[in-house]
Amino acid sequence: MTRPSRREMNELAADREKSAVRSERNAESARQTAADPTRSDTTRKQAAATVGIALGHAREYREEAAALRAGRIPGED
């Protein structure tokens, strides 16, 4: 497989940053749902459980973006 060009890696990094922002929005939405007394206990518990998962995804996306900007392919270093 051919190594991506610098431009392609920067485009991938920008995409990962967008994914991180989306994951952070998802975490905030889950926080709000978990705190919403009009939701069922099950829904609130499930929403609370997803907050950490979404924030973990955001962190991973940012780590991948940093690697790509540094010229590394995530998972290969």
C-alpha atoms as a PDB file:
ATOM      1  CA  MET A   1       0.000   0.000   0.000  1.00  0.00           C
ATOM      2  CA  THR A   2       1.257   3.460  -0.876  1.00  0.00           C
ATOM      3  CA  ARG A   3       1.928   5.826   1.996  1.00  0.00           C
ATOM      4  CA  PRO A   4      -0.474   8.810   2.023  1.00  0.00           C
ATOM      5  CA  SER A   5       0.915  12.148   0.912  1.00  0.00           C
ATOM      6  CA  ARG A   6       1.432  14.962   3.425  1.00  0.00           C
ATOM      7  CA  ARG A   7      -1.671  16.702   2.065  1.00  0.00           C
ATOM      8  CA  GLU A   8      -3.738  13.538   2.506  1.00  0.00           C
ATOM      9  CA  MET A   9      -2.440  13.086   6.029  1.00  0.00           C
ATOM     10  CA  ASN A  10      -3.380  16.676   6.879  1.00  0.00           C
ATOM     11  CA  GLU A  11      -6.861  16.098   5.430  1.00  0.00           C
ATOM     12  CA  LEU A  12      -7.197  12.959   7.535  1.00  0.00           C
ATOM     13  CA  ALA A  13      -6.032  14.914  10.598  1.00  0.00           C
ATOM     14  CA  ALA A  14      -8.678  17.576   9.953  1.00  0.00           C
ATOM     15  CA  ASP A  15     -11.299  14.842   9.652  1.00  0.00           C
ATOM     16  CA  ARG A  16     -10.188  13.339  12.980  1.00  0.00           C
ATOM     17  CA  GLU A  17     -10.478  16.768  14.631  1.00  0.00           C
ATOM     18  CA  LYS A  18     -14.042  17.066  13.323  1.00  0.00           C
ATOM     19  CA  SER A  19     -14.774  13.624  14.722  1.00  0.00           C
ATOM     20  CA  ALA A  20     -13.377  14.701  18.100  1.00  0.00           C
ATOM     21  CA  VAL A  21     -15.671  17.727  18.177  1.00  0.00           C
ATOM     22  CA  ARG A  22     -18.639  15.526  17.258  1.00  0.00           C
ATOM     23  CA  SER A  23     -17.757  13.091  20.060  1.00  0.00           C
ATOM     24  CA  GLU A  24     -17.542  15.946  22.553  1.00  0.00           C
ATOM     25  CA  ARG A  25     -20.994  17.157  21.438  1.00  0.00           C
ATOM     26  CA  ASN A  26     -22.290  13.630  21.911  1.00  0.00           C
ATOM     27  CA  ALA A  27     -20.818  13.522  25.412  1.00  0.00           C
ATOM     28  CA  GLU A  28     -22.528  16.812  26.289  1.00  0.00           C
ATOM     29  CA  SER A  29     -25.828  15.562  24.917  1.00  0.00           C
ATOM     30  CA  ALA A  30     -25.464  12.400  26.991  1.00  0.00           C
ATOM     31  CA  ARG A  31     -24.726  14.500  30.110  1.00  0.00           C
ATOM     32  CA  GLN A  32     -27.883  16.498  29.535  1.00  0.00           C
ATOM     33  CA  THR A  33     -29.958  13.373  29.005  1.00  0.00           C
ATOM     34  CA  ALA A  34     -28.505  11.772  32.129  1.00  0.00           C
ATOM     35  CA  ALA A  35     -29.531  14.833  34.140  1.00  0.00           C
ATOM     36  CA  ASP A  36     -33.029  15.091  32.656  1.00  0.00           C
ATOM     37  CA  PRO A  37     -35.585  14.046  35.269  1.00  0.00           C
ATOM     38  CA  THR A  38     -38.235  13.561  32.572  1.00  0.00           C
ATOM     39  CA  ARG A  39     -36.270  10.606  31.168  1.00  0.00           C
ATOM     40  CA  SER A  40     -36.605   7.073  32.490  1.00  0.00           C
ATOM     41  CA  ASP A  41     -34.058   5.725  34.958  1.00  0.00           C
ATOM     42  CA  THR A  42     -32.791   3.292  32.322  1.00  0.00           C
ATOM     43  CA  THR A  43     -32.321   6.038  29.745  1.00  0.00           C
ATOM     44  CA  ARG A  44     -30.549   8.254  32.251  1.00  0.00           C
ATOM     45  CA  LYS A  45     -28.216   5.428  33.329  1.00  0.00           C
ATOM     46  CA  GLN A  46     -27.403   4.518  29.742  1.00  0.00           C
ATOM     47  CA  ALA A  47     -26.740   8.153  28.869  1.00  0.00           C
ATOM     48  CA  ALA A  48     -24.450   8.547  31.886  1.00  0.00           C
ATOM     49  CA  ALA A  49     -22.513   5.459  30.842  1.00  0.00           C
ATOM     50  CA  THR A  50     -21.889   6.847  27.368  1.00  0.00           C
ATOM     51  CA  VAL A  51     -20.314  10.122  28.503  1.00  0.00           C
ATOM     52  CA  GLY A  52     -16.932   8.563  29.237  1.00  0.00           C
ATOM     53  CA  ILE A  53     -17.021   6.518  26.059  1.00  0.00           C
ATOM     54  CA  ALA A  54     -17.660   9.583  23.904  1.00  0.00           C
ATOM     55  CA  LEU A  55     -14.918  11.565  25.656  1.00  0.00           C
ATOM     56  CA  GLY A  56     -12.530   8.642  25.180  1.00  0.00           C
ATOM     57  CA  HIS A  57     -13.307   8.635  21.477  1.00  0.00           C
ATOM     58  CA  ALA A  58     -12.637  12.376  21.306  1.00  0.00           C
ATOM     59  CA  ARG A  59      -9.255  11.869  22.972  1.00  0.00           C
ATOM     60  CA  GLU A  60      -8.362   9.040  20.575  1.00  0.00           C
ATOM     61  CA  TYR A  61      -9.370  11.099  17.541  1.00  0.00           C
ATOM     62  CA  ARG A  62      -7.164  13.964  18.730  1.00  0.00           C
ATOM     63  CA  GLU A  63      -4.230  11.596  19.295  1.00  0.00           C
ATOM     64  CA  GLU A  64      -4.667  10.249  15.765  1.00  0.00           C
ATOM     65  CA  ALA A  65      -4.846  13.773  14.364  1.00  0.00           C
ATOM     66  CA  ALA A  66      -1.627  14.728  16.134  1.00  0.00           C
ATOM     67  CA  ALA A  67       0.143  11.639  14.790  1.00  0.00           C
ATOM     68  CA  LEU A  68      -1.034  12.368  11.251  1.00  0.00           C
ATOM     69  CA  ARG A  69       0.100  16.002  11.447  1.00  0.00           C
ATOM     70  CA  ALA A  70       3.493  14.760  12.672  1.00  0.00           C
ATOM     71  CA  GLY A  71       3.760  12.520   9.600  1.00  0.00           C
ATOM     72  CA  ARG A  72       3.030   9.276  11.439  1.00  0.00           C
ATOM     73  CA  ILE A  73       0.311   6.780  10.662  1.00  0.00           C
ATOM     74  CA  PRO A  74      -1.701   5.964  13.793  1.00  0.00           C
ATOM     75  CA  GLY A  75      -1.217   2.391  14.911  1.00  0.00           C
ATOM     76  CA  GLU A  76       2.048   1.992  13.059  1.00  0.00           C
ATOM     77  CA  ASP A  77       4.239   3.802  15.580  1.00  0.00           C
END
